[in-house]
Amino acid sequence: MENASGFTKVINKISSSKKTVVGHNMLLDLCFMINQFVAPLPETLYEFKSLLNNNFPNICDTKLMANTTPLKEDITDTSLEELLRILLQGKPFDMPDVASGMNL
């Protein structure tokens, strides 16, 4: 039983840390994580949003960000490859300084 619940422990640790979960085009990923490791998906959007917010209160979807004003004026292709290319150019955006290492 201990081995079977291994990844659930990871999900619970991420959830309890309240750290920002970052992903790209991640709605299906979030649905899968909730359904597999937290609880069955609820019937309504309102219940889903509540369940998601209770477990992952800080979510950052890079594709959604790239498709939203003001970023969408400068980004026409929101693929990860293109976003990296734009960031590496340094204009109009700079590569963010992200600390290495994971402290959950």
C-alpha atoms as a PDB file:
ATOM      1  CA  MET A   1       0.000   0.000   0.000  1.00  0.00           C
ATOM      2  CA  GLU A   2       2.884   2.345   0.829  1.00  0.00           C
ATOM      3  CA  ASN A   3       4.384   1.990  -2.671  1.00  0.00           C
ATOM      4  CA  ALA A   4       1.007   2.376  -4.380  1.00  0.00           C
ATOM      5  CA  SER A   5       0.424   5.779  -2.785  1.00  0.00           C
ATOM      6  CA  GLY A   6       3.866   7.160  -3.655  1.00  0.00           C
ATOM      7  CA  PHE A   7       2.929   9.909  -6.122  1.00  0.00           C
ATOM      8  CA  THR A   8      -0.085  10.909  -4.050  1.00  0.00           C
ATOM      9  CA  LYS A   9       2.437  11.951  -1.391  1.00  0.00           C
ATOM     10  CA  VAL A  10       4.156  14.194  -3.944  1.00  0.00           C
ATOM     11  CA  ILE A  11       0.846  15.811  -4.907  1.00  0.00           C
ATOM     12  CA  ASN A  12      -0.054  16.298  -1.232  1.00  0.00           C
ATOM     13  CA  LYS A  13       3.344  17.889  -0.557  1.00  0.00           C
ATOM     14  CA  ILE A  14       2.929  20.299  -3.485  1.00  0.00           C
ATOM     15  CA  SER A  15      -0.595  21.129  -2.314  1.00  0.00           C
ATOM     16  CA  SER A  16       0.376  21.731   1.313  1.00  0.00           C
ATOM     17  CA  SER A  17       3.365  23.879   0.308  1.00  0.00           C
ATOM     18  CA  LYS A  18       1.014  26.409  -1.380  1.00  0.00           C
ATOM     19  CA  LYS A  19       3.827  27.092  -3.863  1.00  0.00           C
ATOM     20  CA  THR A  20       2.991  28.171  -7.380  1.00  0.00           C
ATOM     21  CA  VAL A  21       2.418  25.313  -9.814  1.00  0.00           C
ATOM     22  CA  VAL A  22       3.736  26.354 -13.234  1.00  0.00           C
ATOM     23  CA  GLY A  23       2.802  24.614 -16.455  1.00  0.00           C
ATOM     24  CA  HIS A  24       2.043  25.218 -20.104  1.00  0.00           C
ATOM     25  CA  ASN A  25      -1.483  24.620 -21.404  1.00  0.00           C
ATOM     26  CA  MET A  26      -2.139  22.700 -18.226  1.00  0.00           C
ATOM     27  CA  LEU A  27      -5.905  22.395 -17.796  1.00  0.00           C
ATOM     28  CA  LEU A  28      -5.975  18.706 -18.747  1.00  0.00           C
ATOM     29  CA  ASP A  29      -2.937  18.058 -16.555  1.00  0.00           C
ATOM     30  CA  LEU A  30      -4.704  19.663 -13.596  1.00  0.00           C
ATOM     31  CA  CYS A  31      -7.872  17.655 -14.279  1.00  0.00           C
ATOM     32  CA  PHE A  32      -5.840  14.462 -14.393  1.00  0.00           C
ATOM     33  CA  MET A  33      -3.967  15.245 -11.154  1.00  0.00           C
ATOM     34  CA  ILE A  34      -7.155  16.121  -9.309  1.00  0.00           C
ATOM     35  CA  ASN A  35      -8.986  13.033 -10.572  1.00  0.00           C
ATOM     36  CA  GLN A  36      -6.126  10.593  -9.951  1.00  0.00           C
ATOM     37  CA  PHE A  37      -4.650  11.888  -6.698  1.00  0.00           C
ATOM     38  CA  VAL A  38      -7.164  14.123  -4.907  1.00  0.00           C
ATOM     39  CA  ALA A  39     -10.801  13.268  -5.599  1.00  0.00           C
ATOM     40  CA  PRO A  40     -13.107  12.367  -8.485  1.00  0.00           C
ATOM     41  CA  LEU A  41     -13.812  15.301 -10.768  1.00  0.00           C
ATOM     42  CA  PRO A  42     -16.935  17.146  -9.636  1.00  0.00           C
ATOM     43  CA  GLU A  43     -20.040  17.581 -11.759  1.00  0.00           C
ATOM     44  CA  THR A  44     -19.942  21.381 -12.029  1.00  0.00           C
ATOM     45  CA  LEU A  45     -17.349  23.959 -13.000  1.00  0.00           C
ATOM     46  CA  TYR A  46     -17.964  25.818  -9.731  1.00  0.00           C
ATOM     47  CA  GLU A  47     -17.178  22.678  -7.699  1.00  0.00           C
ATOM     48  CA  PHE A  48     -14.106  21.948  -9.847  1.00  0.00           C
ATOM     49  CA  LYS A  49     -12.740  25.461  -9.375  1.00  0.00           C
ATOM     50  CA  SER A  50     -13.279  25.212  -5.636  1.00  0.00           C
ATOM     51  CA  LEU A  51     -11.550  21.809  -5.430  1.00  0.00           C
ATOM     52  CA  LEU A  52      -8.679  23.022  -7.597  1.00  0.00           C
ATOM     53  CA  ASN A  53      -8.227  26.225  -5.603  1.00  0.00           C
ATOM     54  CA  ASN A  54      -8.271  24.321  -2.303  1.00  0.00           C
ATOM     55  CA  ASN A  55      -5.508  22.009  -3.507  1.00  0.00           C
ATOM     56  CA  PHE A  56      -3.475  24.262  -5.794  1.00  0.00           C
ATOM     57  CA  PRO A  57      -4.224  27.875  -4.866  1.00  0.00           C
ATOM     58  CA  ASN A  58      -1.373  29.313  -6.946  1.00  0.00           C
ATOM     59  CA  ILE A  59      -1.348  28.256 -10.599  1.00  0.00           C
ATOM     60  CA  CYS A  60       0.568  29.871 -13.445  1.00  0.00           C
ATOM     61  CA  ASP A  61      -0.222  28.705 -16.983  1.00  0.00           C
ATOM     62  CA  THR A  62       2.420  30.111 -19.331  1.00  0.00           C
ATOM     63  CA  LYS A  63       0.323  29.538 -22.460  1.00  0.00           C
ATOM     64  CA  LEU A  64      -2.597  31.441 -20.945  1.00  0.00           C
ATOM     65  CA  MET A  65      -0.250  34.264 -19.947  1.00  0.00           C
ATOM     66  CA  ALA A  66       1.207  34.453 -23.450  1.00  0.00           C
ATOM     67  CA  ASN A  67      -2.324  34.669 -24.910  1.00  0.00           C
ATOM     68  CA  THR A  68      -3.392  37.495 -22.598  1.00  0.00           C
ATOM     69  CA  THR A  69      -2.944  41.261 -22.940  1.00  0.00           C
ATOM     70  CA  PRO A  70      -0.377  42.831 -22.855  1.00  0.00           C
ATOM     71  CA  LEU A  71       1.831  39.845 -23.758  1.00  0.00           C
ATOM     72  CA  LYS A  72      -0.231  38.713 -26.727  1.00  0.00           C
ATOM     73  CA  GLU A  73       0.664  41.881 -28.633  1.00  0.00           C
ATOM     74  CA  ASP A  74       4.323  40.752 -28.712  1.00  0.00           C
ATOM     75  CA  ILE A  75       3.854  36.971 -28.878  1.00  0.00           C
ATOM     76  CA  THR A  76       2.171  35.462 -31.916  1.00  0.00           C
ATOM     77  CA  ASP A  77       3.173  31.810 -31.386  1.00  0.00           C
ATOM     78  CA  THR A  78       2.650  30.487 -27.858  1.00  0.00           C
ATOM     79  CA  SER A  79       4.497  27.177 -28.240  1.00  0.00           C
ATOM     80  CA  LEU A  80       7.128  26.521 -25.584  1.00  0.00           C
ATOM     81  CA  GLU A  81       9.853  26.550 -28.222  1.00  0.00           C
ATOM     82  CA  GLU A  82       8.804  29.998 -29.437  1.00  0.00           C
ATOM     83  CA  LEU A  83       8.434  31.383 -25.915  1.00  0.00           C
ATOM     84  CA  LEU A  84      11.973  30.256 -25.118  1.00  0.00           C
ATOM     85  CA  ARG A  85      13.275  31.823 -28.343  1.00  0.00           C
ATOM     86  CA  ILE A  86      11.619  35.141 -27.460  1.00  0.00           C
ATOM     87  CA  LEU A  87      12.988  35.093 -23.918  1.00  0.00           C
ATOM     88  CA  LEU A  88      16.507  34.299 -25.119  1.00  0.00           C
ATOM     89  CA  GLN A  89      16.404  37.350 -27.437  1.00  0.00           C
ATOM     90  CA  GLY A  90      16.060  39.572 -24.379  1.00  0.00           C
ATOM     91  CA  LYS A  91      13.683  41.993 -26.070  1.00  0.00           C
ATOM     92  CA  PRO A  92      11.020  42.924 -25.179  1.00  0.00           C
ATOM     93  CA  PHE A  93      11.242  40.337 -22.367  1.00  0.00           C
ATOM     94  CA  ASP A  94      14.058  39.122 -20.155  1.00  0.00           C
ATOM     95  CA  MET A  95      14.570  35.555 -19.019  1.00  0.00           C
ATOM     96  CA  PRO A  96      13.329  35.379 -15.420  1.00  0.00           C
ATOM     97  CA  ASP A  97      15.795  34.610 -12.657  1.00  0.00           C
ATOM     98  CA  VAL A  98      14.566  31.346 -11.205  1.00  0.00           C
ATOM     99  CA  ALA A  99      16.316  29.901  -8.174  1.00  0.00           C
ATOM    100  CA  SER A 100      17.618  26.407  -8.737  1.00  0.00           C
ATOM    101  CA  GLY A 101      16.666  23.599  -6.427  1.00  0.00           C
ATOM    102  CA  MET A 102      13.307  22.540  -5.135  1.00  0.00           C
ATOM    103  CA  ASN A 103      12.470  23.190  -1.527  1.00  0.00           C
ATOM    104  CA  LEU A 104       9.051  21.748  -0.958  1.00  0.00           C
END
